[in-house]
C-alpha cells in the first residue's frame, strides 16, 4: 500500500512542481509591470 502511494505521489510531483514554477513566473512578470496612471478625473479635489 505504501509503495502504491509513493508511486502515485512521485508520478504527480513533476506536474505540481511545473505548475508552481509557472505561477511564480506569472507573478514576477505581473509584478514588474508598471500600473497605468489614474485618469485626471479620479484625482479631483473636494472643495468645502
N, C-alpha and C. Protein backbone atom coordinates (compact mmCIF):
# COMPACT_ATOMS: atom_id res chain seq x y z
N UNK A 1 0.82 -1.19 0.00
CA UNK A 1 0.00 0.00 0.00
C UNK A 1 0.87 1.26 0.00
N UNK A 2 1.87 1.29 0.85
CA UNK A 2 2.75 2.46 0.91
C UNK A 2 3.50 2.63 -0.42
N UNK A 3 3.83 1.53 -1.05
CA UNK A 3 4.54 1.61 -2.33
C UNK A 3 3.65 2.23 -3.41
N UNK A 4 2.37 1.86 -3.44
CA UNK A 4 1.47 2.43 -4.45
C UNK A 4 1.25 3.92 -4.20
N UNK A 5 1.18 4.33 -2.95
CA UNK A 5 1.04 5.76 -2.62
C UNK A 5 2.29 6.52 -3.05
N UNK A 6 3.45 5.93 -2.79
CA UNK A 6 4.71 6.58 -3.17
C UNK A 6 4.81 6.73 -4.68
N UNK A 7 4.38 5.72 -5.42
CA UNK A 7 4.41 5.82 -6.88
C UNK A 7 3.44 6.88 -7.39
N UNK A 8 2.27 6.96 -6.79
CA UNK A 8 1.29 7.96 -7.21
C UNK A 8 1.81 9.38 -6.95
N UNK A 9 2.43 9.58 -5.80
CA UNK A 9 2.98 10.90 -5.47
C UNK A 9 4.14 11.24 -6.38
N UNK A 10 5.02 10.28 -6.63
CA UNK A 10 6.19 10.56 -7.45
C UNK A 10 5.81 10.81 -8.91
N UNK A 11 4.70 10.23 -9.36
CA UNK A 11 4.27 10.47 -10.74
C UNK A 11 3.65 11.85 -10.89
N UNK A 12 3.03 12.38 -9.86
CA UNK A 12 2.39 13.69 -9.94
C UNK A 12 3.30 14.83 -9.54
N UNK A 13 4.40 14.53 -8.90
CA UNK A 13 5.28 15.58 -8.40
C UNK A 13 5.84 16.49 -9.49
N UNK A 14 6.32 15.97 -10.62
CA UNK A 14 6.82 16.88 -11.66
C UNK A 14 5.75 17.83 -12.19
N UNK A 15 4.52 17.36 -12.31
CA UNK A 15 3.44 18.24 -12.77
C UNK A 15 3.17 19.34 -11.77
N UNK A 16 3.12 19.01 -10.50
CA UNK A 16 2.87 20.02 -9.46
C UNK A 16 4.01 21.02 -9.40
N UNK A 17 5.24 20.56 -9.52
CA UNK A 17 6.39 21.45 -9.50
C UNK A 17 6.36 22.40 -10.70
N UNK A 18 5.99 21.89 -11.86
CA UNK A 18 5.90 22.73 -13.05
C UNK A 18 4.84 23.80 -12.89
N UNK A 19 3.70 23.44 -12.31
CA UNK A 19 2.62 24.41 -12.09
C UNK A 19 3.09 25.52 -11.15
N UNK A 20 3.77 25.15 -10.06
CA UNK A 20 4.26 26.17 -9.13
C UNK A 20 5.29 27.09 -9.77
N UNK A 21 6.15 26.55 -10.59
CA UNK A 21 7.15 27.38 -11.27
C UNK A 21 6.47 28.34 -12.24
N UNK A 22 5.46 27.86 -12.95
CA UNK A 22 4.74 28.74 -13.88
C UNK A 22 3.99 29.85 -13.13
N UNK A 23 3.36 29.51 -12.02
CA UNK A 23 2.66 30.52 -11.23
C UNK A 23 3.62 31.57 -10.69
N UNK A 24 4.79 31.14 -10.24
CA UNK A 24 5.78 32.08 -9.73
C UNK A 24 6.27 33.00 -10.85
N UNK A 25 6.45 32.45 -12.04
CA UNK A 25 6.90 33.27 -13.18
C UNK A 25 5.84 34.29 -13.56
N UNK A 26 4.58 33.90 -13.54
CA UNK A 26 3.50 34.83 -13.87
C UNK A 26 3.43 35.95 -12.84
N UNK A 27 3.61 35.62 -11.58
CA UNK A 27 3.59 36.65 -10.54
C UNK A 27 4.75 37.63 -10.70
N UNK A 28 5.92 37.12 -11.04
CA UNK A 28 7.06 38.02 -11.25
C UNK A 28 6.84 38.93 -12.45
N UNK A 29 6.25 38.39 -13.50
CA UNK A 29 6.01 39.19 -14.70
C UNK A 29 4.99 40.28 -14.42
N UNK A 30 3.90 39.92 -13.74
CA UNK A 30 2.87 40.92 -13.46
C UNK A 30 3.34 41.94 -12.42
N UNK A 31 4.22 41.55 -11.52
CA UNK A 31 4.72 42.49 -10.52
C UNK A 31 5.69 43.48 -11.14
N UNK A 32 6.35 43.10 -12.21
CA UNK A 32 7.32 44.00 -12.82
C UNK A 32 6.66 45.03 -13.73
N UNK A 33 5.41 44.81 -14.10
CA UNK A 33 4.70 45.77 -14.95
C UNK A 33 4.31 46.99 -14.12
N UNK A 34 4.47 48.15 -14.71
CA UNK A 34 4.08 49.37 -14.01
C UNK A 34 2.59 49.60 -14.21
N UNK A 35 1.87 49.98 -13.18
CA UNK A 35 0.44 50.23 -13.35
C UNK A 35 0.18 51.50 -14.16
N UNK A 36 -0.94 51.53 -14.83
CA UNK A 36 -1.29 52.71 -15.60
C UNK A 36 -1.64 53.85 -14.64
N UNK A 37 -1.26 55.07 -14.97
CA UNK A 37 -1.61 56.19 -14.09
C UNK A 37 -3.13 56.41 -14.05
N UNK A 38 -3.59 56.89 -12.93
CA UNK A 38 -5.02 57.13 -12.77
C UNK A 38 -5.43 58.31 -13.65
N UNK A 39 -6.61 58.28 -14.20
CA UNK A 39 -7.06 59.42 -15.01
C UNK A 39 -7.22 60.67 -14.14
N UNK A 40 -7.15 61.82 -14.77
CA UNK A 40 -7.17 63.08 -14.02
C UNK A 40 -8.49 63.26 -13.26
N UNK A 41 -9.58 62.77 -13.81
CA UNK A 41 -10.88 62.95 -13.17
C UNK A 41 -10.95 62.19 -11.84
N UNK A 42 -10.19 61.15 -11.71
CA UNK A 42 -10.22 60.37 -10.47
C UNK A 42 -9.50 61.10 -9.35
N UNK A 43 -8.66 62.08 -9.69
CA UNK A 43 -7.89 62.80 -8.68
C UNK A 43 -8.44 64.19 -8.42
N UNK A 44 -9.71 64.38 -8.66
CA UNK A 44 -10.32 65.70 -8.43
C UNK A 44 -10.36 66.02 -6.96
N UNK A 45 -10.10 67.25 -6.63
CA UNK A 45 -10.11 67.67 -5.24
C UNK A 45 -11.53 67.98 -4.79
N UNK A 46 -11.79 67.78 -3.52
CA UNK A 46 -13.10 68.08 -2.96
C UNK A 46 -13.02 69.44 -2.28
N UNK A 47 -13.88 70.36 -2.68
CA UNK A 47 -13.91 71.70 -2.08
C UNK A 47 -15.06 71.79 -1.12
N UNK A 48 -14.79 72.39 0.03
CA UNK A 48 -15.84 72.53 1.04
C UNK A 48 -16.28 73.95 1.19
